[in-house]
Amino acid sequence: MKHKVFCSAACVCVLVALSLPVRAGSNCSCRADGAKFEVGVLRCVRGKLSRCIMFLNNPSWKVIDDQCPEASLPPQKAEPPFCRA
């Protein structure tokens, strides 16, 4: 009888432990270009927009888009030359 109670209690403990969410440790980070990046950060890696994620309990870059966004300025309006009267 004691053996059955012990096995039941052990099974419950294992099931509870397996159901708890696994969180990334504070030292988990992705690396690119010699720098560390926290989980969730977006970064251009090898010319592709990527997000640092946890995959199979390892930090990894997931490609979000095949191109990195580019910043550009809108065309400037030609201003008339400054004249003094």
N, C-alpha and C. Protein backbone atom coordinates (compact mmCIF):
# COMPACT_ATOMS: atom_id res chain seq x y z
N MET A 1 0.82 -1.19 0.00
CA MET A 1 0.00 0.00 0.00
C MET A 1 0.87 1.26 0.00
N LYS A 2 1.94 1.26 0.85
CA LYS A 2 2.82 2.42 0.92
C LYS A 2 3.50 2.66 -0.43
N HIS A 3 3.83 1.58 -1.13
CA HIS A 3 4.49 1.69 -2.43
C HIS A 3 3.58 2.39 -3.44
N LYS A 4 2.28 2.05 -3.44
CA LYS A 4 1.33 2.68 -4.36
C LYS A 4 1.18 4.17 -4.07
N VAL A 5 1.12 4.53 -2.81
CA VAL A 5 0.99 5.94 -2.43
C VAL A 5 2.24 6.71 -2.85
N PHE A 6 3.41 6.13 -2.62
CA PHE A 6 4.67 6.78 -2.99
C PHE A 6 4.73 6.96 -4.51
N CYS A 7 4.39 5.93 -5.28
CA CYS A 7 4.41 6.03 -6.75
C CYS A 7 3.42 7.07 -7.25
N SER A 8 2.25 7.12 -6.65
CA SER A 8 1.24 8.11 -7.05
C SER A 8 1.74 9.53 -6.76
N ALA A 9 2.32 9.73 -5.60
CA ALA A 9 2.84 11.04 -5.24
C ALA A 9 3.99 11.43 -6.17
N ALA A 10 4.86 10.49 -6.49
CA ALA A 10 5.98 10.77 -7.39
C ALA A 10 5.47 11.12 -8.78
N CYS A 11 4.46 10.43 -9.26
CA CYS A 11 3.89 10.71 -10.58
C CYS A 11 3.28 12.11 -10.61
N VAL A 12 2.58 12.48 -9.55
CA VAL A 12 1.98 13.80 -9.49
C VAL A 12 3.07 14.87 -9.51
N CYS A 13 4.14 14.66 -8.77
CA CYS A 13 5.24 15.64 -8.74
C CYS A 13 5.88 15.79 -10.12
N VAL A 14 6.08 14.70 -10.81
CA VAL A 14 6.68 14.74 -12.14
C VAL A 14 5.76 15.47 -13.11
N LEU A 15 4.46 15.19 -13.06
CA LEU A 15 3.51 15.86 -13.95
C LEU A 15 3.45 17.36 -13.68
N VAL A 16 3.48 17.75 -12.43
CA VAL A 16 3.47 19.17 -12.09
C VAL A 16 4.74 19.84 -12.61
N ALA A 17 5.87 19.20 -12.43
CA ALA A 17 7.14 19.77 -12.90
C ALA A 17 7.16 19.91 -14.42
N LEU A 18 6.59 18.96 -15.13
CA LEU A 18 6.57 19.01 -16.58
C LEU A 18 5.59 20.05 -17.11
N SER A 19 4.59 20.39 -16.34
CA SER A 19 3.59 21.35 -16.81
C SER A 19 4.00 22.80 -16.57
N LEU A 20 5.03 23.03 -15.77
CA LEU A 20 5.48 24.41 -15.51
C LEU A 20 6.15 24.97 -16.76
N PRO A 21 5.90 26.25 -17.06
CA PRO A 21 6.54 26.84 -18.25
C PRO A 21 8.04 26.96 -18.05
N VAL A 22 8.76 26.74 -19.12
CA VAL A 22 10.21 26.86 -19.09
C VAL A 22 10.56 28.27 -19.52
N ARG A 23 11.34 28.96 -18.72
CA ARG A 23 11.73 30.33 -19.04
C ARG A 23 13.21 30.36 -19.40
N ALA A 24 13.53 31.27 -20.29
CA ALA A 24 14.93 31.43 -20.67
C ALA A 24 15.69 32.04 -19.50
N GLY A 25 16.88 31.56 -19.29
CA GLY A 25 17.71 32.12 -18.24
C GLY A 25 18.17 33.52 -18.59
N SER A 26 18.63 34.25 -17.60
CA SER A 26 19.06 35.62 -17.84
C SER A 26 20.32 35.69 -18.70
N ASN A 27 21.03 34.57 -18.80
CA ASN A 27 22.26 34.57 -19.60
C ASN A 27 22.02 34.07 -21.02
N CYS A 28 20.77 33.85 -21.42
CA CYS A 28 20.48 33.40 -22.78
C CYS A 28 20.43 34.60 -23.71
N SER A 29 21.24 34.57 -24.74
CA SER A 29 21.26 35.65 -25.72
C SER A 29 21.77 35.12 -27.04
N CYS A 30 21.34 35.79 -28.11
CA CYS A 30 21.84 35.45 -29.45
C CYS A 30 23.09 36.27 -29.71
N ARG A 31 23.90 35.80 -30.62
CA ARG A 31 25.12 36.52 -30.97
C ARG A 31 25.13 36.80 -32.46
N ALA A 32 25.60 38.00 -32.80
CA ALA A 32 25.78 38.39 -34.20
C ALA A 32 26.80 39.52 -34.24
N ASP A 33 27.67 39.46 -35.21
CA ASP A 33 28.70 40.49 -35.40
C ASP A 33 29.50 40.76 -34.13
N GLY A 34 29.75 39.73 -33.35
CA GLY A 34 30.57 39.86 -32.15
C GLY A 34 29.86 40.49 -30.96
N ALA A 35 28.53 40.65 -31.03
CA ALA A 35 27.78 41.26 -29.93
C ALA A 35 26.68 40.31 -29.47
N LYS A 36 26.20 40.52 -28.23
CA LYS A 36 25.11 39.72 -27.67
C LYS A 36 23.80 40.50 -27.79
N PHE A 37 22.70 39.77 -28.05
CA PHE A 37 21.38 40.37 -28.17
C PHE A 37 20.39 39.54 -27.36
N GLU A 38 19.53 40.23 -26.61
CA GLU A 38 18.52 39.57 -25.78
C GLU A 38 17.45 38.91 -26.63
N VAL A 39 16.78 37.92 -26.07
CA VAL A 39 15.67 37.25 -26.74
C VAL A 39 14.59 38.28 -27.04
N GLY A 40 14.08 38.27 -28.29
CA GLY A 40 13.04 39.19 -28.72
C GLY A 40 13.54 40.35 -29.57
N VAL A 41 14.85 40.54 -29.61
CA VAL A 41 15.43 41.67 -30.36
C VAL A 41 15.41 41.38 -31.86
N LEU A 42 15.06 42.41 -32.66
CA LEU A 42 15.14 42.33 -34.12
C LEU A 42 16.49 42.86 -34.56
N ARG A 43 17.09 42.22 -35.57
CA ARG A 43 18.43 42.61 -36.03
C ARG A 43 18.63 42.10 -37.45
N CYS A 44 19.38 42.83 -38.25
CA CYS A 44 19.75 42.34 -39.57
C CYS A 44 20.93 41.40 -39.41
N VAL A 45 20.74 40.16 -39.80
CA VAL A 45 21.79 39.14 -39.70
C VAL A 45 21.99 38.55 -41.09
N ARG A 46 23.20 38.70 -41.62
CA ARG A 46 23.53 38.21 -42.95
C ARG A 46 22.56 38.72 -44.02
N GLY A 47 22.17 39.98 -43.89
CA GLY A 47 21.31 40.62 -44.88
C GLY A 47 19.83 40.29 -44.76
N LYS A 48 19.43 39.61 -43.69
CA LYS A 48 18.02 39.26 -43.50
C LYS A 48 17.55 39.75 -42.14
N LEU A 49 16.30 40.25 -42.08
CA LEU A 49 15.73 40.70 -40.82
C LEU A 49 15.41 39.47 -39.98
N SER A 50 15.97 39.40 -38.77
CA SER A 50 15.83 38.22 -37.92
C SER A 50 15.48 38.63 -36.50
N ARG A 51 14.82 37.71 -35.77
CA ARG A 51 14.46 37.93 -34.37
C ARG A 51 15.17 36.87 -33.54
N CYS A 52 15.71 37.29 -32.40
CA CYS A 52 16.34 36.36 -31.46
C CYS A 52 15.22 35.64 -30.70
N ILE A 53 15.19 34.31 -30.81
CA ILE A 53 14.16 33.50 -30.15
C ILE A 53 14.81 32.33 -29.42
N MET A 54 14.03 31.68 -28.58
CA MET A 54 14.47 30.42 -27.97
C MET A 54 13.87 29.29 -28.79
N PHE A 55 14.69 28.38 -29.27
CA PHE A 55 14.24 27.24 -30.05
C PHE A 55 14.88 25.99 -29.46
N LEU A 56 14.06 25.08 -29.00
CA LEU A 56 14.55 23.85 -28.36
C LEU A 56 15.53 24.17 -27.23
N ASN A 57 15.16 25.19 -26.44
CA ASN A 57 15.92 25.61 -25.27
C ASN A 57 17.30 26.18 -25.62
N ASN A 58 17.45 26.68 -26.86
CA ASN A 58 18.69 27.31 -27.30
C ASN A 58 18.35 28.64 -27.98
N PRO A 59 19.13 29.69 -27.73
CA PRO A 59 18.88 30.94 -28.45
C PRO A 59 19.23 30.77 -29.92
N SER A 60 18.37 31.33 -30.79
CA SER A 60 18.56 31.16 -32.22
C SER A 60 17.98 32.36 -32.95
N TRP A 61 18.48 32.65 -34.16
CA TRP A 61 17.92 33.71 -34.99
C TRP A 61 16.87 33.12 -35.91
N LYS A 62 15.66 33.70 -35.90
CA LYS A 62 14.58 33.28 -36.80
C LYS A 62 14.41 34.37 -37.85
N VAL A 63 14.48 34.00 -39.13
CA VAL A 63 14.35 34.97 -40.21
C VAL A 63 12.90 35.44 -40.28
N ILE A 64 12.71 36.76 -40.22
CA ILE A 64 11.39 37.38 -40.29
C ILE A 64 11.10 37.84 -41.71
N ASP A 65 12.13 38.39 -42.39
CA ASP A 65 11.99 38.88 -43.76
C ASP A 65 13.30 38.65 -44.49
N ASP A 66 13.22 38.45 -45.80
CA ASP A 66 14.42 38.19 -46.58
C ASP A 66 15.27 39.43 -46.84
N GLN A 67 14.74 40.61 -46.50
CA GLN A 67 15.49 41.84 -46.68
C GLN A 67 15.45 42.65 -45.40
N CYS A 68 16.50 43.43 -45.18
CA CYS A 68 16.52 44.34 -44.05
C CYS A 68 15.90 45.66 -44.48
N PRO A 69 15.19 46.31 -43.57
CA PRO A 69 14.62 47.61 -43.93
C PRO A 69 15.72 48.64 -44.16
N GLU A 70 15.46 49.56 -45.06
CA GLU A 70 16.43 50.60 -45.36
C GLU A 70 15.83 51.95 -45.02
N ALA A 71 16.62 52.80 -44.43
CA ALA A 71 16.17 54.16 -44.14
C ALA A 71 16.53 55.06 -45.31
N SER A 72 15.61 55.93 -45.67
CA SER A 72 15.91 56.89 -46.73
C SER A 72 15.20 58.20 -46.41
N LEU A 73 15.77 59.27 -46.88
CA LEU A 73 15.19 60.59 -46.68
C LEU A 73 14.28 60.92 -47.86
N PRO A 74 13.18 61.63 -47.60
CA PRO A 74 12.33 62.04 -48.73
C PRO A 74 13.08 63.07 -49.58
N PRO A 75 12.73 63.18 -50.86
CA PRO A 75 13.42 64.16 -51.71
C PRO A 75 13.22 65.57 -51.17
N GLN A 76 14.26 66.36 -51.22
CA GLN A 76 14.22 67.74 -50.74
C GLN A 76 13.64 68.66 -51.81
N LYS A 77 12.81 69.62 -51.39
CA LYS A 77 12.31 70.63 -52.33
C LYS A 77 13.42 71.65 -52.57
N ALA A 78 13.53 72.07 -53.80
CA ALA A 78 14.53 73.08 -54.15
C ALA A 78 14.06 74.43 -53.59
N GLU A 79 14.89 75.02 -52.78
CA GLU A 79 14.57 76.31 -52.19
C GLU A 79 15.14 77.42 -53.09
N PRO A 80 14.42 78.52 -53.20
CA PRO A 80 14.97 79.63 -54.00
C PRO A 80 16.22 80.17 -53.30
N PRO A 81 17.16 80.65 -54.07
CA PRO A 81 18.39 81.17 -53.46
C PRO A 81 18.08 82.35 -52.55
N PHE A 82 18.89 82.49 -51.53
CA PHE A 82 18.70 83.58 -50.56
C PHE A 82 19.22 84.87 -51.20
N CYS A 83 18.38 85.88 -51.24
CA CYS A 83 18.78 87.16 -51.85
C CYS A 83 18.69 88.26 -50.79
N ARG A 84 19.66 89.16 -50.84
CA ARG A 84 19.61 90.34 -49.97
C ARG A 84 19.23 91.55 -50.81
N ALA A 85 18.42 92.35 -50.25
CA ALA A 85 18.01 93.55 -50.99
C ALA A 85 18.85 94.74 -50.66
